[in-house]
Amino acid sequence: MSIIHPLLQKLQNDVQQLQKGLQPDHLSFWYQKVISDTKEMAPPWLQDKINIKQDPILPMKFNLDISKRAVRYFMIAVENNLSQMPYSTQLYFLKVQEILSFEMDKSLI
């Protein structure tokens, strides 16, 4: 019985940490950080074409309004910030990168 309790406590802590990384306010913080880094990297004429908007009704939904020319700067900013993010947030942004890559490839066809 003494071994099971610490294992369950560790499992519970791990699950709570994973859930914490996917909270809407947490994702919003990381989106703002990535967008600000993207705007710093992008040339001045592209900076106003990089925006993010969080849906007020569905807080887990974000509308990434970005020019096709600025996507590469966004991808670089995500890569630069991945190591600082919690694991579940990393997975989320890796999926965002995958979707953006797919959409960019689709627009080339």
PDB file of N, CA and C in Angstrom:
ATOM      1  N   MET A   1       0.819  -1.191   0.000  1.00  0.00           N
ATOM      2  CA  MET A   1       0.000   0.000   0.000  1.00  0.00           C
ATOM      3  C   MET A   1       0.864   1.257   0.000  1.00  0.00           C
ATOM      4  N   SER A   2       2.012   1.223   0.626  1.00  0.00           N
ATOM      5  CA  SER A   2       2.856   2.409   0.708  1.00  0.00           C
ATOM      6  C   SER A   2       3.485   2.757  -0.643  1.00  0.00           C
ATOM      7  N   ILE A   3       3.654   1.795  -1.536  1.00  0.00           N
ATOM      8  CA  ILE A   3       4.223   2.052  -2.856  1.00  0.00           C
ATOM      9  C   ILE A   3       3.162   2.633  -3.793  1.00  0.00           C
ATOM     10  N   ILE A   4       1.949   2.175  -3.682  1.00  0.00           N
ATOM     11  CA  ILE A   4       0.888   2.596  -4.590  1.00  0.00           C
ATOM     12  C   ILE A   4       0.537   4.074  -4.401  1.00  0.00           C
ATOM     13  N   HIS A   5       0.468   4.527  -3.168  1.00  0.00           N
ATOM     14  CA  HIS A   5       0.088   5.919  -2.909  1.00  0.00           C
ATOM     15  C   HIS A   5       1.045   6.928  -3.571  1.00  0.00           C
ATOM     16  N   PRO A   6       2.372   6.808  -3.423  1.00  0.00           N
ATOM     17  CA  PRO A   6       3.273   7.756  -4.096  1.00  0.00           C
ATOM     18  C   PRO A   6       3.168   7.681  -5.623  1.00  0.00           C
ATOM     19  N   LEU A   7       2.940   6.484  -6.157  1.00  0.00           N
ATOM     20  CA  LEU A   7       2.801   6.354  -7.607  1.00  0.00           C
ATOM     21  C   LEU A   7       1.542   7.063  -8.105  1.00  0.00           C
ATOM     22  N   LEU A   8       0.456   6.902  -7.373  1.00  0.00           N
ATOM     23  CA  LEU A   8      -0.774   7.589  -7.755  1.00  0.00           C
ATOM     24  C   LEU A   8      -0.627   9.101  -7.631  1.00  0.00           C
ATOM     25  N   GLN A   9       0.073   9.541  -6.610  1.00  0.00           N
ATOM     26  CA  GLN A   9       0.305  10.976  -6.424  1.00  0.00           C
ATOM     27  C   GLN A   9       1.138  11.535  -7.571  1.00  0.00           C
ATOM     28  N   LYS A  10       2.175  10.811  -7.985  1.00  0.00           N
ATOM     29  CA  LYS A  10       3.012  11.248  -9.104  1.00  0.00           C
ATOM     30  C   LYS A  10       2.203  11.283 -10.396  1.00  0.00           C
ATOM     31  N   LEU A  11       1.397  10.259 -10.622  1.00  0.00           N
ATOM     32  CA  LEU A  11       0.550  10.215 -11.806  1.00  0.00           C
ATOM     33  C   LEU A  11      -0.431  11.385 -11.819  1.00  0.00           C
ATOM     34  N   GLN A  12      -1.025  11.673 -10.684  1.00  0.00           N
ATOM     35  CA  GLN A  12      -1.955  12.788 -10.583  1.00  0.00           C
ATOM     36  C   GLN A  12      -1.254  14.116 -10.874  1.00  0.00           C
ATOM     37  N   ASN A  13      -0.061  14.297 -10.344  1.00  0.00           N
ATOM     38  CA  ASN A  13       0.701  15.520 -10.594  1.00  0.00           C
ATOM     39  C   ASN A  13       1.055  15.659 -12.075  1.00  0.00           C
ATOM     40  N   ASP A  14       1.447  14.540 -12.712  1.00  0.00           N
ATOM     41  CA  ASP A  14       1.781  14.573 -14.134  1.00  0.00           C
ATOM     42  C   ASP A  14       0.572  14.970 -14.975  1.00  0.00           C
ATOM     43  N   VAL A  15      -0.571  14.405 -14.669  1.00  0.00           N
ATOM     44  CA  VAL A  15      -1.793  14.729 -15.416  1.00  0.00           C
ATOM     45  C   VAL A  15      -2.175  16.192 -15.211  1.00  0.00           C
ATOM     46  N   GLN A  16      -2.040  16.693 -13.998  1.00  0.00           N
ATOM     47  CA  GLN A  16      -2.363  18.097 -13.736  1.00  0.00           C
ATOM     48  C   GLN A  16      -1.437  19.034 -14.506  1.00  0.00           C
ATOM     49  N   GLN A  17      -0.171  18.690 -14.607  1.00  0.00           N
ATOM     50  CA  GLN A  17       0.765  19.517 -15.363  1.00  0.00           C
ATOM     51  C   GLN A  17       0.416  19.532 -16.851  1.00  0.00           C
ATOM     52  N   LEU A  18       0.012  18.370 -17.381  1.00  0.00           N
ATOM     53  CA  LEU A  18      -0.380  18.312 -18.786  1.00  0.00           C
ATOM     54  C   LEU A  18      -1.643  19.134 -19.037  1.00  0.00           C
ATOM     55  N   GLN A  19      -2.587  19.075 -18.126  1.00  0.00           N
ATOM     56  CA  GLN A  19      -3.813  19.851 -18.277  1.00  0.00           C
ATOM     57  C   GLN A  19      -3.533  21.345 -18.184  1.00  0.00           C
ATOM     58  N   LYS A  20      -2.619  21.707 -17.325  1.00  0.00           N
ATOM     59  CA  LYS A  20      -2.295  23.117 -17.124  1.00  0.00           C
ATOM     60  C   LYS A  20      -1.768  23.751 -18.410  1.00  0.00           C
ATOM     61  N   GLY A  21      -1.017  22.996 -19.201  1.00  0.00           N
ATOM     62  CA  GLY A  21      -0.446  23.520 -20.438  1.00  0.00           C
ATOM     63  C   GLY A  21      -1.471  23.792 -21.518  1.00  0.00           C
ATOM     64  N   LEU A  22      -2.669  23.267 -21.381  1.00  0.00           N
ATOM     65  CA  LEU A  22      -3.697  23.470 -22.393  1.00  0.00           C
ATOM     66  C   LEU A  22      -4.832  24.381 -21.927  1.00  0.00           C
ATOM     67  N   GLN A  23      -4.622  25.126 -20.873  1.00  0.00           N
ATOM     68  CA  GLN A  23      -5.616  26.094 -20.428  1.00  0.00           C
ATOM     69  C   GLN A  23      -5.644  27.261 -21.428  1.00  0.00           C
ATOM     70  N   PRO A  24      -6.829  27.818 -21.709  1.00  0.00           N
ATOM     71  CA  PRO A  24      -6.924  28.910 -22.692  1.00  0.00           C
ATOM     72  C   PRO A  24      -6.031  30.112 -22.375  1.00  0.00           C
ATOM     73  N   ASP A  25      -5.933  30.490 -21.113  1.00  0.00           N
ATOM     74  CA  ASP A  25      -5.081  31.638 -20.779  1.00  0.00           C
ATOM     75  C   ASP A  25      -3.601  31.310 -20.970  1.00  0.00           C
ATOM     76  N   HIS A  26      -3.246  30.060 -20.745  1.00  0.00           N
ATOM     77  CA  HIS A  26      -1.864  29.625 -20.950  1.00  0.00           C
ATOM     78  C   HIS A  26      -1.524  29.644 -22.449  1.00  0.00           C
ATOM     79  N   LEU A  27      -2.434  29.116 -23.259  1.00  0.00           N
ATOM     80  CA  LEU A  27      -2.222  29.136 -24.711  1.00  0.00           C
ATOM     81  C   LEU A  27      -2.184  30.569 -25.237  1.00  0.00           C
ATOM     82  N   SER A  28      -3.033  31.420 -24.690  1.00  0.00           N
ATOM     83  CA  SER A  28      -3.061  32.811 -25.100  1.00  0.00           C
ATOM     84  C   SER A  28      -1.731  33.489 -24.804  1.00  0.00           C
ATOM     85  N   PHE A  29      -1.166  33.206 -23.629  1.00  0.00           N
ATOM     86  CA  PHE A  29       0.148  33.762 -23.277  1.00  0.00           C
ATOM     87  C   PHE A  29       1.197  33.350 -24.304  1.00  0.00           C
ATOM     88  N   TRP A  30       1.223  32.063 -24.653  1.00  0.00           N
ATOM     89  CA  TRP A  30       2.238  31.583 -25.587  1.00  0.00           C
ATOM     90  C   TRP A  30       2.004  32.110 -26.998  1.00  0.00           C
ATOM     91  N   TYR A  31       0.738  32.236 -27.391  1.00  0.00           N
ATOM     92  CA  TYR A  31       0.466  32.847 -28.698  1.00  0.00           C
ATOM     93  C   TYR A  31       0.980  34.284 -28.723  1.00  0.00           C
ATOM     94  N   GLN A  32       0.727  35.046 -27.672  1.00  0.00           N
ATOM     95  CA  GLN A  32       1.187  36.431 -27.632  1.00  0.00           C
ATOM     96  C   GLN A  32       2.714  36.501 -27.674  1.00  0.00           C
ATOM     97  N   LYS A  33       3.364  35.588 -26.963  1.00  0.00           N
ATOM     98  CA  LYS A  33       4.833  35.559 -26.958  1.00  0.00           C
ATOM     99  C   LYS A  33       5.364  35.238 -28.353  1.00  0.00           C
ATOM    100  N   VAL A  34       4.780  34.223 -28.991  1.00  0.00           N
ATOM    101  CA  VAL A  34       5.231  33.819 -30.329  1.00  0.00           C
ATOM    102  C   VAL A  34       4.950  34.938 -31.339  1.00  0.00           C
ATOM    103  N   ILE A  35       3.789  35.566 -31.247  1.00  0.00           N
ATOM    104  CA  ILE A  35       3.443  36.645 -32.179  1.00  0.00           C
ATOM    105  C   ILE A  35       4.383  37.840 -31.996  1.00  0.00           C
ATOM    106  N   SER A  36       4.708  38.178 -30.758  1.00  0.00           N
ATOM    107  CA  SER A  36       5.625  39.310 -30.543  1.00  0.00           C
ATOM    108  C   SER A  36       7.017  38.987 -31.082  1.00  0.00           C
ATOM    109  N   ASP A  37       7.469  37.744 -30.899  1.00  0.00           N
ATOM    110  CA  ASP A  37       8.762  37.336 -31.464  1.00  0.00           C
ATOM    111  C   ASP A  37       8.717  37.342 -32.995  1.00  0.00           C
ATOM    112  N   THR A  38       7.596  36.927 -33.550  1.00  0.00           N
ATOM    113  CA  THR A  38       7.438  36.919 -35.003  1.00  0.00           C
ATOM    114  C   THR A  38       7.509  38.335 -35.549  1.00  0.00           C
ATOM    115  N   LYS A  39       6.840  39.261 -34.887  1.00  0.00           N
ATOM    116  CA  LYS A  39       6.846  40.657 -35.341  1.00  0.00           C
ATOM    117  C   LYS A  39       8.233  41.269 -35.231  1.00  0.00           C
ATOM    118  N   GLU A  40       9.011  40.860 -34.220  1.00  0.00           N
ATOM    119  CA  GLU A  40      10.385  41.361 -34.092  1.00  0.00           C
ATOM    120  C   GLU A  40      11.259  40.874 -35.240  1.00  0.00           C
ATOM    121  N   MET A  41      11.035  39.630 -35.680  1.00  0.00           N
ATOM    122  CA  MET A  41      11.846  39.056 -36.764  1.00  0.00           C
ATOM    123  C   MET A  41      11.428  39.556 -38.147  1.00  0.00           C
ATOM    124  N   ALA A  42      10.145  39.798 -38.316  1.00  0.00           N
ATOM    125  CA  ALA A  42       9.610  40.148 -39.631  1.00  0.00           C
ATOM    126  C   ALA A  42      10.012  41.563 -40.034  1.00  0.00           C
ATOM    127  N   PRO A  43      10.100  41.807 -41.332  1.00  0.00           N
ATOM    128  CA  PRO A  43      10.384  43.170 -41.792  1.00  0.00           C
ATOM    129  C   PRO A  43       9.230  44.111 -41.431  1.00  0.00           C
ATOM    130  N   PRO A  44       9.500  45.391 -41.338  1.00  0.00           N
ATOM    131  CA  PRO A  44       8.470  46.348 -40.899  1.00  0.00           C
ATOM    132  C   PRO A  44       7.186  46.317 -41.734  1.00  0.00           C
ATOM    133  N   TRP A  45       7.297  46.078 -43.024  1.00  0.00           N
ATOM    134  CA  TRP A  45       6.110  46.086 -43.873  1.00  0.00           C
ATOM    135  C   TRP A  45       5.236  44.843 -43.683  1.00  0.00           C
ATOM    136  N   LEU A  46       5.716  43.833 -42.962  1.00  0.00           N
ATOM    137  CA  LEU A  46       4.917  42.636 -42.687  1.00  0.00           C
ATOM    138  C   LEU A  46       4.351  42.615 -41.273  1.00  0.00           C
ATOM    139  N   GLN A  47       4.835  43.473 -40.412  1.00  0.00           N
ATOM    140  CA  GLN A  47       4.467  43.399 -39.000  1.00  0.00           C
ATOM    141  C   GLN A  47       2.980  43.629 -38.749  1.00  0.00           C
ATOM    142  N   ASP A  48       2.341  44.466 -39.545  1.00  0.00           N
ATOM    143  CA  ASP A  48       0.914  44.702 -39.332  1.00  0.00           C
ATOM    144  C   ASP A  48       0.044  43.594 -39.916  1.00  0.00           C
ATOM    145  N   LYS A  49       0.655  42.637 -40.605  1.00  0.00           N
ATOM    146  CA  LYS A  49      -0.078  41.513 -41.194  1.00  0.00           C
ATOM    147  C   LYS A  49       0.038  40.245 -40.359  1.00  0.00           C
ATOM    148  N   ILE A  50       0.448  40.400 -39.099  1.00  0.00           N
ATOM    149  CA  ILE A  50       0.603  39.269 -38.180  1.00  0.00           C
ATOM    150  C   ILE A  50      -0.257  39.547 -36.954  1.00  0.00           C
ATOM    151  N   ASN A  51      -1.351  38.802 -36.825  1.00  0.00           N
ATOM    152  CA  ASN A  51      -2.270  39.015 -35.703  1.00  0.00           C
ATOM    153  C   ASN A  51      -2.849  37.692 -35.221  1.00  0.00           C
ATOM    154  N   ILE A  52      -3.301  37.692 -33.987  1.00  0.00           N
ATOM    155  CA  ILE A  52      -3.986  36.536 -33.404  1.00  0.00           C
ATOM    156  C   ILE A  52      -5.203  37.064 -32.659  1.00  0.00           C
ATOM    157  N   LYS A  53      -6.305  36.340 -32.781  1.00  0.00           N
ATOM    158  CA  LYS A  53      -7.519  36.731 -32.073  1.00  0.00           C
ATOM    159  C   LYS A  53      -8.109  35.493 -31.405  1.00  0.00           C
ATOM    160  N   GLN A  54      -8.396  35.629 -30.116  1.00  0.00           N
ATOM    161  CA  GLN A  54      -8.996  34.540 -29.355  1.00  0.00           C
ATOM    162  C   GLN A  54     -10.509  34.689 -29.400  1.00  0.00           C
ATOM    163  N   ASP A  55     -11.195  33.594 -29.692  1.00  0.00           N
ATOM    164  CA  ASP A  55     -12.650  33.607 -29.756  1.00  0.00           C
ATOM    165  C   ASP A  55     -13.218  33.820 -28.361  1.00  0.00           C
ATOM    166  N   PRO A  56     -14.124  34.813 -28.169  1.00  0.00           N
ATOM    167  CA  PRO A  56     -14.661  35.069 -26.828  1.00  0.00           C
ATOM    168  C   PRO A  56     -15.616  33.978 -26.334  1.00  0.00           C
ATOM    169  N   ILE A  57     -16.269  33.281 -27.254  1.00  0.00           N
ATOM    170  CA  ILE A  57     -17.218  32.239 -26.862  1.00  0.00           C
ATOM    171  C   ILE A  57     -16.520  30.900 -26.672  1.00  0.00           C
ATOM    172  N   LEU A  58     -15.605  30.574 -27.579  1.00  0.00           N
ATOM    173  CA  LEU A  58     -14.825  29.342 -27.491  1.00  0.00           C
ATOM    174  C   LEU A  58     -13.379  29.701 -27.184  1.00  0.00           C
ATOM    175  N   PRO A  59     -13.005  29.788 -25.921  1.00  0.00           N
ATOM    176  CA  PRO A  59     -11.675  30.312 -25.570  1.00  0.00           C
ATOM    177  C   PRO A  59     -10.500  29.450 -26.037  1.00  0.00           C
ATOM    178  N   MET A  60     -10.745  28.206 -26.443  1.00  0.00           N
ATOM    179  CA  MET A  60      -9.659  27.372 -26.958  1.00  0.00           C
ATOM    180  C   MET A  60      -9.447  27.579 -28.455  1.00  0.00           C
ATOM    181  N   LYS A  61     -10.289  28.405 -29.074  1.00  0.00           N
ATOM    182  CA  LYS A  61     -10.197  28.659 -30.511  1.00  0.00           C
ATOM    183  C   LYS A  61      -9.463  29.973 -30.750  1.00  0.00           C
ATOM    184  N   PHE A  62      -8.412  29.910 -31.556  1.00  0.00           N
ATOM    185  CA  PHE A  62      -7.622  31.090 -31.890  1.00  0.00           C
ATOM    186  C   PHE A  62      -7.633  31.258 -33.407  1.00  0.00           C
ATOM    187  N   ASN A  63      -7.802  32.487 -33.847  1.00  0.00           N
ATOM    188  CA  ASN A  63      -7.780  32.796 -35.263  1.00  0.00           C
ATOM    189  C   ASN A  63      -6.436  33.454 -35.568  1.00  0.00           C
ATOM    190  N   LEU A  64      -5.600  32.735 -36.271  1.00  0.00           N
ATOM    191  CA  LEU A  64      -4.282  33.237 -36.637  1.00  0.00           C
ATOM    192  C   LEU A  64      -4.403  33.948 -37.977  1.00  0.00           C
ATOM    193  N   ASP A  65      -4.319  35.264 -37.942  1.00  0.00           N
ATOM    194  CA  ASP A  65      -4.427  36.085 -39.142  1.00  0.00           C
ATOM    195  C   ASP A  65      -3.020  36.512 -39.526  1.00  0.00           C
ATOM    196  N   ILE A  66      -2.454  35.794 -40.510  1.00  0.00           N
ATOM    197  CA  ILE A  66      -1.054  36.017 -40.851  1.00  0.00           C
ATOM    198  C   ILE A  66      -0.877  35.948 -42.368  1.00  0.00           C
ATOM    199  N   SER A  67      -0.038  36.803 -42.870  1.00  0.00           N
ATOM    200  CA  SER A  67       0.277  36.810 -44.287  1.00  0.00           C
ATOM    201  C   SER A  67       1.101  35.570 -44.636  1.00  0.00           C
ATOM    202  N   LYS A  68       0.922  35.074 -45.844  1.00  0.00           N
ATOM    203  CA  LYS A  68       1.702  33.909 -46.281  1.00  0.00           C
ATOM    204  C   LYS A  68       3.196  34.201 -46.240  1.00  0.00           C
ATOM    205  N   ARG A  69       3.565  35.441 -46.487  1.00  0.00           N
ATOM    206  CA  ARG A  69       4.982  35.812 -46.463  1.00  0.00           C
ATOM    207  C   ARG A  69       5.554  35.823 -45.049  1.00  0.00           C
ATOM    208  N   ALA A  70       4.676  35.916 -44.040  1.00  0.00           N
ATOM    209  CA  ALA A  70       5.133  35.973 -42.653  1.00  0.00           C
ATOM    210  C   ALA A  70       5.095  34.616 -41.956  1.00  0.00           C
ATOM    211  N   VAL A  71       4.587  33.597 -42.639  1.00  0.00           N
ATOM    212  CA  VAL A  71       4.462  32.274 -42.007  1.00  0.00           C
ATOM    213  C   VAL A  71       5.819  31.730 -41.583  1.00  0.00           C
ATOM    214  N   ARG A  72       6.826  31.930 -42.404  1.00  0.00           N
ATOM    215  CA  ARG A  72       8.145  31.371 -42.040  1.00  0.00           C
ATOM    216  C   ARG A  72       8.681  32.011 -40.765  1.00  0.00           C
ATOM    217  N   TYR A  73       8.416  33.295 -40.555  1.00  0.00           N
ATOM    218  CA  TYR A  73       8.851  33.949 -39.317  1.00  0.00           C
ATOM    219  C   TYR A  73       8.097  33.379 -38.118  1.00  0.00           C
ATOM    220  N   PHE A  74       6.817  33.093 -38.320  1.00  0.00           N
ATOM    221  CA  PHE A  74       6.015  32.476 -37.255  1.00  0.00           C
ATOM    222  C   PHE A  74       6.579  31.102 -36.899  1.00  0.00           C
ATOM    223  N   MET A  75       6.917  30.313 -37.919  1.00  0.00           N
ATOM    224  CA  MET A  75       7.465  28.967 -37.681  1.00  0.00           C
ATOM    225  C   MET A  75       8.787  29.041 -36.911  1.00  0.00           C
ATOM    226  N   ILE A  76       9.619  29.987 -37.269  1.00  0.00           N
ATOM    227  CA  ILE A  76      10.898  30.153 -36.570  1.00  0.00           C
ATOM    228  C   ILE A  76      10.659  30.558 -35.118  1.00  0.00           C
ATOM    229  N   ALA A  77       9.701  31.462 -34.889  1.00  0.00           N
ATOM    230  CA  ALA A  77       9.399  31.911 -33.529  1.00  0.00           C
ATOM    231  C   ALA A  77       8.860  30.763 -32.680  1.00  0.00           C
ATOM    232  N   VAL A  78       8.038  29.913 -33.274  1.00  0.00           N
ATOM    233  CA  VAL A  78       7.533  28.742 -32.542  1.00  0.00           C
ATOM    234  C   VAL A  78       8.691  27.829 -32.170  1.00  0.00           C
ATOM    235  N   GLU A  79       9.573  27.551 -33.127  1.00  0.00           N
ATOM    236  CA  GLU A  79      10.732  26.686 -32.857  1.00  0.00           C
ATOM    237  C   GLU A  79      11.610  27.258 -31.753  1.00  0.00           C
ATOM    238  N   ASN A  80      11.799  28.566 -31.751  1.00  0.00           N
ATOM    239  CA  ASN A  80      12.639  29.201 -30.736  1.00  0.00           C
ATOM    240  C   ASN A  80      12.025  29.121 -29.338  1.00  0.00           C
ATOM    241  N   ASN A  81      10.700  29.045 -29.245  1.00  0.00           N
ATOM    242  CA  ASN A  81      10.020  29.045 -27.951  1.00  0.00           C
ATOM    243  C   ASN A  81       9.617  27.653 -27.468  1.00  0.00           C
ATOM    244  N   LEU A  82       9.735  26.645 -28.300  1.00  0.00           N
ATOM    245  CA  LEU A  82       9.275  25.303 -27.915  1.00  0.00           C
ATOM    246  C   LEU A  82       9.943  24.788 -26.653  1.00  0.00           C
ATOM    247  N   SER A  83      11.215  25.031 -26.502  1.00  0.00           N
ATOM    248  CA  SER A  83      11.932  24.478 -25.349  1.00  0.00           C
ATOM    249  C   SER A  83      11.462  25.077 -24.020  1.00  0.00           C
ATOM    250  N   GLN A  84      10.857  26.250 -24.056  1.00  0.00           N
ATOM    251  CA  GLN A  84      10.397  26.902 -22.825  1.00  0.00           C
ATOM    252  C   GLN A  84       8.967  26.515 -22.459  1.00  0.00           C
ATOM    253  N   MET A  85       8.253  25.903 -23.398  1.00  0.00           N
ATOM    254  CA  MET A  85       6.841  25.572 -23.182  1.00  0.00           C
ATOM    255  C   MET A  85       6.674  24.265 -22.423  1.00  0.00           C
ATOM    256  N   PRO A  86       5.560  24.117 -21.689  1.00  0.00           N
ATOM    257  CA  PRO A  86       5.237  22.812 -21.109  1.00  0.00           C
ATOM    258  C   PRO A  86       4.989  21.795 -22.237  1.00  0.00           C
ATOM    259  N   TYR A  87       5.086  20.534 -21.899  1.00  0.00           N
ATOM    260  CA  TYR A  87       5.010  19.471 -22.908  1.00  0.00           C
ATOM    261  C   TYR A  87       3.722  19.523 -23.721  1.00  0.00           C
ATOM    262  N   SER A  88       2.580  19.657 -23.069  1.00  0.00           N
ATOM    263  CA  SER A  88       1.312  19.656 -23.801  1.00  0.00           C
ATOM    264  C   SER A  88       1.188  20.893 -24.704  1.00  0.00           C
ATOM    265  N   THR A  89       1.742  22.010 -24.274  1.00  0.00           N
ATOM    266  CA  THR A  89       1.739  23.211 -25.102  1.00  0.00           C
ATOM    267  C   THR A  89       2.665  23.026 -26.295  1.00  0.00           C
ATOM    268  N   GLN A  90       3.781  22.346 -26.098  1.00  0.00           N
ATOM    269  CA  GLN A  90       4.675  22.024 -27.210  1.00  0.00           C
ATOM    270  C   GLN A  90       3.949  21.211 -28.265  1.00  0.00           C
ATOM    271  N   LEU A  91       3.218  20.195 -27.824  1.00  0.00           N
ATOM    272  CA  LEU A  91       2.469  19.367 -28.766  1.00  0.00           C
ATOM    273  C   LEU A  91       1.432  20.192 -29.522  1.00  0.00           C
ATOM    274  N   TYR A  92       0.778  21.092 -28.816  1.00  0.00           N
ATOM    275  CA  TYR A  92      -0.222  21.959 -29.436  1.00  0.00           C
ATOM    276  C   TYR A  92       0.414  22.799 -30.550  1.00  0.00           C
ATOM    277  N   PHE A  93       1.540  23.447 -30.251  1.00  0.00           N
ATOM    278  CA  PHE A  93       2.170  24.311 -31.242  1.00  0.00           C
ATOM    279  C   PHE A  93       2.836  23.517 -32.360  1.00  0.00           C
ATOM    280  N   LEU A  94       3.275  22.305 -32.087  1.00  0.00           N
ATOM    281  CA  LEU A  94       3.771  21.458 -33.168  1.00  0.00           C
ATOM    282  C   LEU A  94       2.641  21.120 -34.136  1.00  0.00           C
ATOM    283  N   LYS A  95       1.451  20.902 -33.597  1.00  0.00           N
ATOM    284  CA  LYS A  95       0.289  20.646 -34.446  1.00  0.00           C
ATOM    285  C   LYS A  95      -0.069  21.900 -35.247  1.00  0.00           C
ATOM    286  N   VAL A  96       0.027  23.074 -34.636  1.00  0.00           N
ATOM    287  CA  VAL A  96      -0.221  24.327 -35.356  1.00  0.00           C
ATOM    288  C   VAL A  96       0.761  24.461 -36.514  1.00  0.00           C
ATOM    289  N   GLN A  97       2.029  24.148 -36.271  1.00  0.00           N
ATOM    290  CA  GLN A  97       3.033  24.195 -37.333  1.00  0.00           C
ATOM    291  C   GLN A  97       2.697  23.211 -38.444  1.00  0.00           C
ATOM    292  N   GLU A  98       2.284  22.025 -38.077  1.00  0.00           N
ATOM    293  CA  GLU A  98       1.928  21.012 -39.068  1.00  0.00           C
ATOM    294  C   GLU A  98       0.771  21.493 -39.945  1.00  0.00           C
ATOM    295  N   ILE A  99      -0.247  22.075 -39.321  1.00  0.00           N
ATOM    296  CA  ILE A  99      -1.402  22.572 -40.063  1.00  0.00           C
ATOM    297  C   ILE A  99      -0.998  23.714 -40.991  1.00  0.00           C
ATOM    298  N   LEU A 100      -0.174  24.632 -40.481  1.00  0.00           N
ATOM    299  CA  LEU A 100       0.291  25.734 -41.328  1.00  0.00           C
ATOM    300  C   LEU A 100       1.107  25.226 -42.515  1.00  0.00           C
ATOM    301  N   SER A 101       1.966  24.250 -42.282  1.00  0.00           N
ATOM    302  CA  SER A 101       2.758  23.688 -43.374  1.00  0.00           C
ATOM    303  C   SER A 101       1.856  23.033 -44.411  1.00  0.00           C
ATOM    304  N   PHE A 102       0.862  22.309 -43.946  1.00  0.00           N
ATOM    305  CA  PHE A 102      -0.077  21.656 -44.850  1.00  0.00           C
ATOM    306  C   PHE A 102      -0.832  22.691 -45.668  1.00  0.00           C
ATOM    307  N   GLU A 103      -1.299  23.757 -45.034  1.00  0.00           N
ATOM    308  CA  GLU A 103      -2.037  24.804 -45.741  1.00  0.00           C
ATOM    309  C   GLU A 103      -1.155  25.532 -46.746  1.00  0.00           C
ATOM    310  N   MET A 104       0.095  25.757 -46.388  1.00  0.00           N
ATOM    311  CA  MET A 104       1.004  26.424 -47.317  1.00  0.00           C
ATOM    312  C   MET A 104       1.297  25.518 -48.517  1.00  0.00           C
ATOM    313  N   ASP A 105       1.473  24.222 -48.282  1.00  0.00           N
ATOM    314  CA  ASP A 105       1.708  23.283 -49.370  1.00  0.00           C
ATOM    315  C   ASP A 105       0.472  23.182 -50.251  1.00  0.00           C
ATOM    316  N   LYS A 106      -0.698  23.213 -49.638  1.00  0.00           N
ATOM    317  CA  LYS A 106      -1.944  23.117 -50.384  1.00  0.00           C
ATOM    318  C   LYS A 106      -2.129  24.337 -51.285  1.00  0.00           C
ATOM    319  N   SER A 107      -1.695  25.493 -50.836  1.00  0.00           N
ATOM    320  CA  SER A 107      -1.863  26.698 -51.633  1.00  0.00           C
ATOM    321  C   SER A 107      -0.889  26.731 -52.817  1.00  0.00           C
ATOM    322  N   LEU A 108       0.179  25.932 -52.756  1.00  0.00           N
ATOM    323  CA  LEU A 108       1.144  25.884 -53.855  1.00  0.00           C
ATOM    324  C   LEU A 108       0.648  25.013 -55.005  1.00  0.00           C
ATOM    325  N   ILE A 109      -0.255  24.126 -54.702  1.00  0.00           N
ATOM    326  CA  ILE A 109      -0.732  23.193 -55.737  1.00  0.00           C
ATOM    327  C   ILE A 109      -1.734  23.861 -56.640  1.00  0.00           C
TER     328      ILE A 109
END
